[in-house]
Amino acid sequence: MEIFEFVERDTGIDFIGKIPGCFWGYGYLRPRSEKVVAARLAAMEVVHYLPLMPKARLHHGTKVVSLVPMVAGYIFLCIDDDERVGLKRMEEKFVQIELLREKYNETILIRELNTLRQCELLAQEAPILVNPGVQKGDKVLITSGSLQGLETEVVRRDDGRDDVIIVNITILNRHVEYPVSAEILKKITE
């Protein structure tokens, strides 16, 4: 079984969609247990998504690249209420499982998960930073490139880098940063 349901878009990039009878939400996990829980959920054929990014380190002079969660302590699930209760009883690593039953909130989460998915794919080519303490900036529209059409916020960095787009996972108060050239940004708000 696939880790999450794929829906094909005309851009050629797979994305996460609504599954009838289930709700997307998130599970808050005990520290450093995200990959173990993801493996168990896959074995149980539970629809889930754990966004990962490569992280390099040196071990005795050898470069080792590991995949680490983009959003530490969380895994995203699409389950019904019965599965939620069963997971909470069977899997001790879950601290809390929150399902978004309101259509508006679930739609926002699905859109943000798709953006995370795009960032996860882009992370294979260029490094990304996870930064939970970012303040909101100007709203912009990305006019070209892999993230074309994405409305997001910009943060100007002090270290001389180009503008950085911020993908807000507003439900979890987490942010993912990915560098984007200022030329492809169109300001939406003043």
Protein backbone atom coordinates (compact mmCIF):
# COMPACT_ATOMS: atom_id res chain seq x y z
CA MET A 1 0.00 0.00 0.00
CA GLU A 2 1.14 3.54 -0.69
CA ILE A 3 2.08 5.65 2.33
CA PHE A 4 -0.53 8.19 1.28
CA GLU A 5 -3.17 8.40 -1.39
CA PHE A 6 -1.80 9.93 -4.58
CA VAL A 7 -3.87 12.11 -6.87
CA GLU A 8 -2.25 13.03 -10.18
CA ARG A 9 -2.12 16.73 -11.12
CA ASP A 10 -1.36 18.15 -14.53
CA THR A 11 1.99 19.42 -13.17
CA GLY A 12 3.14 15.80 -12.92
CA ILE A 13 3.65 16.08 -9.14
CA ASP A 14 1.68 13.71 -6.92
CA PHE A 15 -0.26 15.33 -4.14
CA ILE A 16 -2.31 14.48 -1.07
CA GLY A 17 -6.10 14.69 -1.33
CA LYS A 18 -9.28 14.21 0.68
CA ILE A 19 -10.25 10.58 1.31
CA PRO A 20 -14.02 10.01 1.72
CA GLY A 21 -15.04 8.84 5.20
CA CYS A 22 -11.74 9.90 6.78
CA PHE A 23 -10.29 13.13 8.13
CA TRP A 24 -6.75 14.48 7.78
CA GLY A 25 -5.14 15.49 11.03
CA TYR A 26 -1.92 15.14 12.95
CA GLY A 27 -0.49 12.95 15.65
CA TYR A 28 1.76 14.47 18.28
CA LEU A 29 4.44 11.89 19.14
CA ARG A 30 6.97 11.19 21.84
CA PRO A 31 10.42 12.59 20.97
CA ARG A 32 12.42 10.89 18.21
CA SER A 33 9.77 8.31 17.37
CA GLU A 34 8.43 9.64 14.05
CA LYS A 35 10.10 7.09 11.73
CA VAL A 36 9.25 4.12 13.97
CA VAL A 37 5.59 5.17 14.09
CA ALA A 38 5.55 5.74 10.30
CA ALA A 39 6.88 2.20 9.74
CA ARG A 40 4.22 0.73 12.06
CA LEU A 41 1.45 2.74 10.37
CA ALA A 42 2.64 1.51 6.96
CA ALA A 43 2.56 -2.09 8.23
CA MET A 44 -1.02 -1.50 9.46
CA GLU A 45 -1.92 0.12 6.09
CA VAL A 46 -2.93 3.40 7.76
CA VAL A 47 -2.84 6.39 5.41
CA HIS A 48 -0.18 8.78 6.72
CA TYR A 49 2.49 11.26 5.65
CA LEU A 50 5.82 11.96 7.32
CA PRO A 51 7.70 14.74 5.48
CA LEU A 52 11.45 14.04 5.54
CA MET A 53 14.51 16.05 4.53
CA PRO A 54 18.12 14.98 4.10
CA LYS A 55 20.60 15.98 6.80
CA ALA A 56 24.33 15.44 6.37
CA ARG A 57 26.84 14.86 9.16
CA LEU A 58 30.41 13.63 9.48
CA HIS A 59 31.04 10.32 11.23
CA HIS A 60 34.74 9.44 11.58
CA GLY A 61 35.54 11.51 8.50
CA THR A 62 32.78 9.96 6.40
CA LYS A 63 29.81 12.01 5.22
CA VAL A 64 26.57 10.32 6.31
CA VAL A 65 23.25 11.59 4.95
CA SER A 66 20.16 10.73 7.00
CA LEU A 67 16.51 11.55 6.44
CA VAL A 68 15.06 13.51 9.35
CA PRO A 69 11.48 14.72 9.88
CA MET A 70 10.75 18.25 8.64
CA VAL A 71 8.28 18.78 11.47
CA ALA A 72 9.77 17.10 14.53
CA GLY A 73 7.31 15.39 16.84
CA TYR A 74 4.42 15.18 14.35
CA ILE A 75 3.04 12.76 11.78
CA PHE A 76 0.07 13.49 9.54
CA LEU A 77 -2.76 10.95 9.30
CA CYS A 78 -5.97 10.42 7.35
CA ILE A 79 -8.18 8.18 9.50
CA ASP A 80 -11.70 7.91 10.87
CA ASP A 81 -12.72 8.11 14.53
CA ASP A 82 -12.57 4.33 15.08
CA GLU A 83 -9.02 4.14 13.72
CA ARG A 84 -8.08 7.11 15.90
CA VAL A 85 -9.26 5.35 19.06
CA GLY A 86 -7.55 2.10 18.01
CA LEU A 87 -4.24 3.84 17.29
CA LYS A 88 -4.35 5.69 20.58
CA ARG A 89 -4.79 2.37 22.43
CA MET A 90 -2.28 0.30 20.42
CA GLU A 91 0.55 2.75 19.82
CA GLU A 92 2.12 4.13 23.00
CA LYS A 93 4.25 6.64 21.04
CA PHE A 94 1.21 8.85 20.32
CA VAL A 95 0.71 11.63 22.86
CA GLN A 96 -2.32 13.04 21.04
CA ILE A 97 -4.15 12.51 17.75
CA GLU A 98 -6.11 15.49 16.46
CA LEU A 99 -8.40 15.12 13.43
CA LEU A 100 -9.62 18.18 11.55
CA ARG A 101 -13.32 17.52 11.06
CA GLU A 102 -14.18 21.03 9.84
CA LYS A 103 -13.90 21.12 6.05
CA TYR A 104 -12.18 24.54 6.03
CA ASN A 105 -9.40 23.49 8.46
CA GLU A 106 -8.90 20.15 6.72
CA THR A 107 -8.64 21.89 3.33
CA ILE A 108 -5.96 24.25 4.69
CA LEU A 109 -4.00 21.30 6.14
CA ILE A 110 -4.22 19.36 2.86
CA ARG A 111 -2.94 22.40 0.93
CA GLU A 112 -0.08 22.84 3.42
CA LEU A 113 0.79 19.13 3.27
CA ASN A 114 0.99 19.37 -0.52
CA THR A 115 3.32 22.35 -0.16
CA LEU A 116 5.42 20.35 2.32
CA ARG A 117 5.48 17.51 -0.21
CA GLN A 118 6.82 19.90 -2.87
CA CYS A 119 9.45 21.19 -0.43
CA GLU A 120 10.37 17.61 0.42
CA LEU A 121 10.99 16.90 -3.26
CA LEU A 122 12.96 20.14 -3.66
CA ALA A 123 15.05 19.28 -0.57
CA GLN A 124 16.69 16.54 -2.62
CA GLU A 125 18.28 19.31 -4.76
CA ALA A 126 18.87 22.20 -2.32
CA PRO A 127 18.97 22.42 1.48
CA ILE A 128 15.94 23.65 3.40
CA LEU A 129 15.70 24.90 6.96
CA VAL A 130 13.01 24.17 9.52
CA ASN A 131 12.42 27.24 11.68
CA PRO A 132 9.53 27.31 14.17
CA GLY A 133 10.20 30.90 15.34
CA VAL A 134 9.67 32.83 12.07
CA GLN A 135 7.47 35.96 12.15
CA LYS A 136 4.99 36.66 9.38
CA GLY A 137 6.05 39.03 6.58
CA ASP A 138 4.69 40.18 3.24
CA LYS A 139 2.29 37.92 1.35
CA VAL A 140 3.65 36.97 -2.06
CA LEU A 141 2.74 34.86 -5.06
CA ILE A 142 5.46 32.75 -6.66
CA THR A 143 5.19 33.39 -10.40
CA SER A 144 7.50 30.70 -11.83
CA GLY A 145 9.48 27.61 -10.95
CA SER A 146 8.52 24.45 -9.08
CA LEU A 147 6.37 26.31 -6.55
CA GLN A 148 4.55 28.47 -9.14
CA GLY A 149 1.14 29.65 -7.94
CA LEU A 150 1.95 29.26 -4.25
CA GLU A 151 0.84 32.14 -2.03
CA THR A 152 3.17 32.46 0.93
CA GLU A 153 5.07 34.91 3.12
CA VAL A 154 8.56 36.39 2.74
CA VAL A 155 11.25 36.90 5.38
CA ARG A 156 14.32 39.01 4.65
CA ARG A 157 17.44 37.40 6.10
CA ASP A 158 20.30 39.34 7.66
CA ASP A 159 22.95 36.96 6.31
CA GLY A 160 22.81 38.39 2.76
CA ARG A 161 20.80 35.57 1.21
CA ASP A 162 17.97 36.10 -1.29
CA ASP A 163 14.40 36.41 -0.06
CA VAL A 164 13.20 33.22 1.59
CA ILE A 165 9.67 31.92 1.20
CA ILE A 166 7.96 30.70 4.34
CA VAL A 167 5.45 27.87 4.15
CA ASN A 168 3.34 28.19 7.29
CA ILE A 169 1.81 25.11 8.83
CA THR A 170 -0.46 27.34 10.85
CA ILE A 171 -2.15 24.55 12.76
CA LEU A 172 1.14 23.44 14.30
CA ASN A 173 2.89 26.84 14.44
CA ARG A 174 5.78 25.40 12.43
CA HIS A 175 7.41 26.87 9.35
CA VAL A 176 9.55 25.53 6.53
CA GLU A 177 12.01 27.86 4.75
CA TYR A 178 13.10 27.43 1.14
CA PRO A 179 15.27 30.00 -0.70
CA VAL A 180 13.61 31.63 -3.72
CA SER A 181 14.96 34.38 -5.98
CA ALA A 182 13.28 37.76 -5.42
CA GLU A 183 12.63 38.13 -9.18
CA ILE A 184 9.95 35.42 -9.23
CA LEU A 185 7.95 36.86 -6.30
CA LYS A 186 4.90 39.06 -6.83
CA LYS A 187 3.71 41.00 -3.77
CA ILE A 188 0.02 40.51 -2.95
CA THR A 189 -0.42 42.75 0.13
CA GLU A 190 1.10 46.05 1.14
